[in-house]
N, C-alpha and C. Protein backbone atom coordinates (compact mmCIF):
# COMPACT_ATOMS: atom_id res chain seq x y z
N LEU A 1 -3.47 -12.11 -15.21
CA LEU A 1 -4.23 -12.34 -16.41
C LEU A 1 -5.35 -11.32 -16.56
N PHE A 2 -6.17 -11.16 -15.50
CA PHE A 2 -7.27 -10.20 -15.59
C PHE A 2 -6.76 -8.77 -15.63
N LYS A 3 -5.71 -8.50 -14.85
CA LYS A 3 -5.16 -7.14 -14.82
C LYS A 3 -4.50 -6.78 -16.16
N SER A 4 -3.75 -7.71 -16.73
CA SER A 4 -3.07 -7.43 -17.99
C SER A 4 -4.04 -7.26 -19.15
N ASN A 5 -5.21 -7.89 -19.06
CA ASN A 5 -6.22 -7.76 -20.11
C ASN A 5 -7.27 -6.70 -19.78
N VAL A 6 -7.06 -5.96 -18.72
CA VAL A 6 -7.95 -4.88 -18.28
C VAL A 6 -9.39 -5.37 -18.19
N ILE A 7 -9.59 -6.46 -17.45
CA ILE A 7 -10.93 -7.03 -17.27
C ILE A 7 -11.62 -6.41 -16.07
N PHE A 8 -10.85 -6.11 -15.03
CA PHE A 8 -11.44 -5.54 -13.82
C PHE A 8 -11.85 -4.10 -14.05
N ASN A 9 -13.02 -3.76 -13.60
CA ASN A 9 -13.50 -2.39 -13.61
C ASN A 9 -12.77 -1.63 -12.50
N ILE A 10 -12.61 -0.32 -12.64
CA ILE A 10 -11.92 0.44 -11.60
C ILE A 10 -12.67 0.40 -10.27
N ALA A 11 -13.96 0.09 -10.31
CA ALA A 11 -14.75 -0.02 -9.09
C ALA A 11 -14.69 -1.43 -8.48
N GLN A 12 -13.91 -2.32 -9.09
CA GLN A 12 -13.74 -3.68 -8.56
C GLN A 12 -12.63 -3.64 -7.51
N PHE A 13 -12.99 -3.88 -6.26
CA PHE A 13 -12.01 -3.80 -5.18
C PHE A 13 -11.59 -5.17 -4.68
N ASP A 14 -12.51 -6.10 -4.69
CA ASP A 14 -12.19 -7.43 -4.18
C ASP A 14 -11.32 -8.18 -5.19
N PHE A 15 -10.49 -9.06 -4.71
CA PHE A 15 -9.62 -9.90 -5.54
C PHE A 15 -8.55 -9.10 -6.28
N ARG A 16 -8.19 -7.93 -5.78
CA ARG A 16 -7.12 -7.14 -6.37
C ARG A 16 -6.11 -6.81 -5.28
N LYS A 17 -4.84 -6.81 -5.66
CA LYS A 17 -3.78 -6.54 -4.69
C LYS A 17 -3.97 -5.16 -4.05
N ARG A 18 -3.78 -5.14 -2.75
CA ARG A 18 -3.83 -3.92 -1.92
C ARG A 18 -5.20 -3.23 -1.94
N LEU A 19 -6.24 -3.94 -2.34
CA LEU A 19 -7.59 -3.40 -2.29
C LEU A 19 -8.49 -4.42 -1.59
N SER A 20 -9.52 -3.93 -0.92
CA SER A 20 -10.41 -4.83 -0.18
C SER A 20 -11.81 -4.25 -0.14
N THR A 21 -12.68 -4.92 0.57
CA THR A 21 -14.04 -4.42 0.72
C THR A 21 -14.06 -3.13 1.53
N VAL A 22 -13.05 -2.92 2.37
CA VAL A 22 -12.95 -1.65 3.11
C VAL A 22 -12.80 -0.50 2.12
N HIS A 23 -12.00 -0.69 1.10
CA HIS A 23 -11.84 0.34 0.07
C HIS A 23 -13.15 0.57 -0.68
N SER A 24 -13.89 -0.49 -0.88
CA SER A 24 -15.17 -0.39 -1.55
C SER A 24 -16.15 0.46 -0.73
N VAL A 25 -16.22 0.19 0.56
CA VAL A 25 -17.11 0.95 1.45
C VAL A 25 -16.67 2.42 1.49
N TYR A 26 -15.36 2.65 1.59
CA TYR A 26 -14.84 4.03 1.60
C TYR A 26 -15.25 4.74 0.30
N ASN A 27 -15.11 4.07 -0.84
CA ASN A 27 -15.48 4.66 -2.12
C ASN A 27 -16.97 5.00 -2.16
N LEU A 28 -17.80 4.09 -1.66
CA LEU A 28 -19.25 4.31 -1.61
C LEU A 28 -19.59 5.53 -0.76
N ILE A 29 -19.03 5.60 0.43
CA ILE A 29 -19.31 6.72 1.33
C ILE A 29 -18.80 8.03 0.73
N SER A 30 -17.61 7.98 0.16
CA SER A 30 -17.02 9.17 -0.45
C SER A 30 -17.90 9.71 -1.58
N ARG A 31 -18.40 8.82 -2.41
CA ARG A 31 -19.27 9.25 -3.52
C ARG A 31 -20.60 9.80 -2.99
N ALA A 32 -21.14 9.18 -1.96
CA ALA A 32 -22.40 9.65 -1.39
C ALA A 32 -22.22 11.05 -0.79
N ILE A 33 -21.13 11.26 -0.08
CA ILE A 33 -20.87 12.58 0.52
C ILE A 33 -20.66 13.62 -0.57
N SER A 34 -19.91 13.28 -1.62
CA SER A 34 -19.69 14.21 -2.73
C SER A 34 -21.01 14.60 -3.39
N GLY A 35 -21.88 13.61 -3.60
CA GLY A 35 -23.19 13.90 -4.18
C GLY A 35 -24.03 14.78 -3.28
N PHE A 36 -23.99 14.52 -1.98
CA PHE A 36 -24.73 15.34 -1.02
C PHE A 36 -24.23 16.78 -1.05
N GLU A 37 -22.90 16.94 -1.03
CA GLU A 37 -22.32 18.29 -1.04
C GLU A 37 -22.61 19.03 -2.34
N ALA A 38 -22.76 18.31 -3.44
CA ALA A 38 -23.06 18.93 -4.73
C ALA A 38 -24.56 19.06 -4.95
N ASP A 39 -25.36 18.75 -3.92
CA ASP A 39 -26.81 18.82 -3.96
C ASP A 39 -27.37 17.91 -5.06
N GLU A 40 -26.77 16.72 -5.20
CA GLU A 40 -27.22 15.74 -6.17
C GLU A 40 -27.94 14.60 -5.45
N SER A 41 -28.81 13.93 -6.16
CA SER A 41 -29.48 12.75 -5.60
C SER A 41 -28.51 11.57 -5.62
N THR A 42 -28.59 10.78 -4.60
CA THR A 42 -27.75 9.58 -4.53
C THR A 42 -28.65 8.38 -4.26
N ILE A 43 -28.49 7.35 -5.09
CA ILE A 43 -29.29 6.14 -4.94
C ILE A 43 -28.35 4.96 -4.75
N LEU A 44 -28.70 4.08 -3.83
CA LEU A 44 -27.92 2.88 -3.60
C LEU A 44 -28.86 1.69 -3.71
N ILE A 45 -28.49 0.77 -4.59
CA ILE A 45 -29.28 -0.45 -4.76
C ILE A 45 -28.40 -1.62 -4.35
N LEU A 46 -28.85 -2.37 -3.37
CA LEU A 46 -28.09 -3.54 -2.90
C LEU A 46 -28.84 -4.80 -3.31
N CYS A 47 -28.12 -5.71 -3.90
CA CYS A 47 -28.71 -6.97 -4.36
C CYS A 47 -27.95 -8.14 -3.75
N PRO A 48 -28.63 -8.98 -3.00
CA PRO A 48 -27.94 -10.18 -2.49
C PRO A 48 -27.73 -11.17 -3.64
N LEU A 49 -26.54 -11.63 -3.77
CA LEU A 49 -26.23 -12.55 -4.86
C LEU A 49 -25.96 -13.95 -4.32
N SER A 50 -26.90 -14.45 -3.54
CA SER A 50 -26.71 -15.78 -2.97
C SER A 50 -26.71 -16.86 -4.05
N LYS A 51 -27.32 -16.56 -5.18
CA LYS A 51 -27.32 -17.51 -6.29
C LYS A 51 -26.63 -16.85 -7.49
N ALA A 52 -25.41 -16.42 -7.26
CA ALA A 52 -24.68 -15.65 -8.27
C ALA A 52 -24.55 -16.38 -9.60
N PHE A 53 -24.31 -17.68 -9.58
CA PHE A 53 -24.14 -18.41 -10.83
C PHE A 53 -25.43 -18.46 -11.63
N ASP A 54 -26.56 -18.28 -10.97
CA ASP A 54 -27.84 -18.23 -11.69
C ASP A 54 -28.07 -16.86 -12.31
N CYS A 55 -27.29 -15.87 -11.89
CA CYS A 55 -27.50 -14.48 -12.32
C CYS A 55 -26.60 -14.07 -13.48
N ILE A 56 -25.55 -14.84 -13.76
CA ILE A 56 -24.62 -14.44 -14.82
C ILE A 56 -24.97 -15.13 -16.13
N TRP A 57 -24.59 -14.51 -17.21
CA TRP A 57 -24.78 -15.11 -18.53
C TRP A 57 -23.59 -16.00 -18.79
N HIS A 58 -23.82 -17.28 -18.78
CA HIS A 58 -22.73 -18.25 -18.89
C HIS A 58 -21.97 -18.13 -20.21
N ASP A 59 -22.68 -17.95 -21.31
CA ASP A 59 -22.02 -17.85 -22.62
C ASP A 59 -21.08 -16.65 -22.69
N ILE A 60 -21.54 -15.52 -22.16
CA ILE A 60 -20.70 -14.32 -22.17
C ILE A 60 -19.50 -14.50 -21.27
N THR A 61 -19.71 -15.11 -20.11
CA THR A 61 -18.60 -15.37 -19.19
C THR A 61 -17.55 -16.26 -19.86
N ILE A 62 -17.99 -17.31 -20.52
CA ILE A 62 -17.06 -18.22 -21.21
C ILE A 62 -16.31 -17.49 -22.31
N SER A 63 -16.99 -16.67 -23.08
CA SER A 63 -16.31 -15.96 -24.17
C SER A 63 -15.30 -14.95 -23.62
N LYS A 64 -15.62 -14.31 -22.49
CA LYS A 64 -14.66 -13.38 -21.88
C LYS A 64 -13.43 -14.12 -21.36
N LEU A 65 -13.65 -15.30 -20.77
CA LEU A 65 -12.52 -16.09 -20.28
C LEU A 65 -11.67 -16.57 -21.45
N SER A 66 -12.30 -16.94 -22.54
CA SER A 66 -11.58 -17.35 -23.74
C SER A 66 -10.74 -16.19 -24.26
N TYR A 67 -11.32 -15.01 -24.30
CA TYR A 67 -10.61 -13.80 -24.75
C TYR A 67 -9.38 -13.53 -23.89
N CYS A 68 -9.48 -13.87 -22.60
CA CYS A 68 -8.36 -13.64 -21.67
C CYS A 68 -7.27 -14.69 -21.82
N GLY A 69 -7.50 -15.70 -22.62
CA GLY A 69 -6.47 -16.69 -22.86
C GLY A 69 -6.62 -17.98 -22.08
N ILE A 70 -7.77 -18.20 -21.46
CA ILE A 70 -8.01 -19.45 -20.75
C ILE A 70 -8.11 -20.57 -21.80
N GLY A 71 -7.39 -21.66 -21.60
CA GLY A 71 -7.33 -22.76 -22.56
C GLY A 71 -8.65 -23.50 -22.71
N ALA A 72 -8.77 -24.22 -23.83
CA ALA A 72 -10.00 -24.93 -24.18
C ALA A 72 -10.39 -25.96 -23.12
N ASN A 73 -9.43 -26.73 -22.62
CA ASN A 73 -9.74 -27.75 -21.61
C ASN A 73 -10.29 -27.13 -20.33
N LYS A 74 -9.70 -26.02 -19.92
CA LYS A 74 -10.18 -25.33 -18.72
C LYS A 74 -11.56 -24.74 -18.95
N LEU A 75 -11.79 -24.24 -20.16
CA LEU A 75 -13.11 -23.68 -20.48
C LEU A 75 -14.19 -24.75 -20.43
N ILE A 76 -13.86 -25.95 -20.88
CA ILE A 76 -14.82 -27.05 -20.82
C ILE A 76 -15.19 -27.35 -19.37
N LEU A 77 -14.19 -27.38 -18.50
CA LEU A 77 -14.46 -27.62 -17.07
C LEU A 77 -15.32 -26.52 -16.47
N ILE A 78 -15.03 -25.28 -16.83
CA ILE A 78 -15.81 -24.16 -16.31
C ILE A 78 -17.24 -24.23 -16.82
N LYS A 79 -17.41 -24.57 -18.10
CA LYS A 79 -18.76 -24.73 -18.67
C LYS A 79 -19.55 -25.79 -17.89
N LEU A 80 -18.91 -26.93 -17.65
CA LEU A 80 -19.58 -28.00 -16.90
C LEU A 80 -19.94 -27.56 -15.49
N PHE A 81 -19.03 -26.81 -14.85
CA PHE A 81 -19.29 -26.30 -13.51
C PHE A 81 -20.48 -25.36 -13.51
N LEU A 82 -20.53 -24.44 -14.45
CA LEU A 82 -21.63 -23.48 -14.51
C LEU A 82 -22.95 -24.17 -14.86
N LYS A 83 -22.88 -25.19 -15.69
CA LYS A 83 -24.08 -25.89 -16.12
C LYS A 83 -24.70 -26.71 -15.00
N ASN A 84 -23.87 -27.36 -14.20
CA ASN A 84 -24.36 -28.25 -13.16
C ASN A 84 -24.29 -27.59 -11.81
């Protein structure tokens, strides 16, 4: 569903077939080395998302899920989950 609707960003490694966090780390290191070799500045910002549901915009998330074809009943359950 997400793949067919092109929801995942190319930098999204988790939850995709044949990709993992190892690929994510490799991509990060590769980009940092490329920037270093090109004499560019490289900045890394890490944010702990222990309260991830508090950090997302619930309305936008629901509308994106609706766009992907998630049914109304499932959307209601997801709304209730995000709300509580």
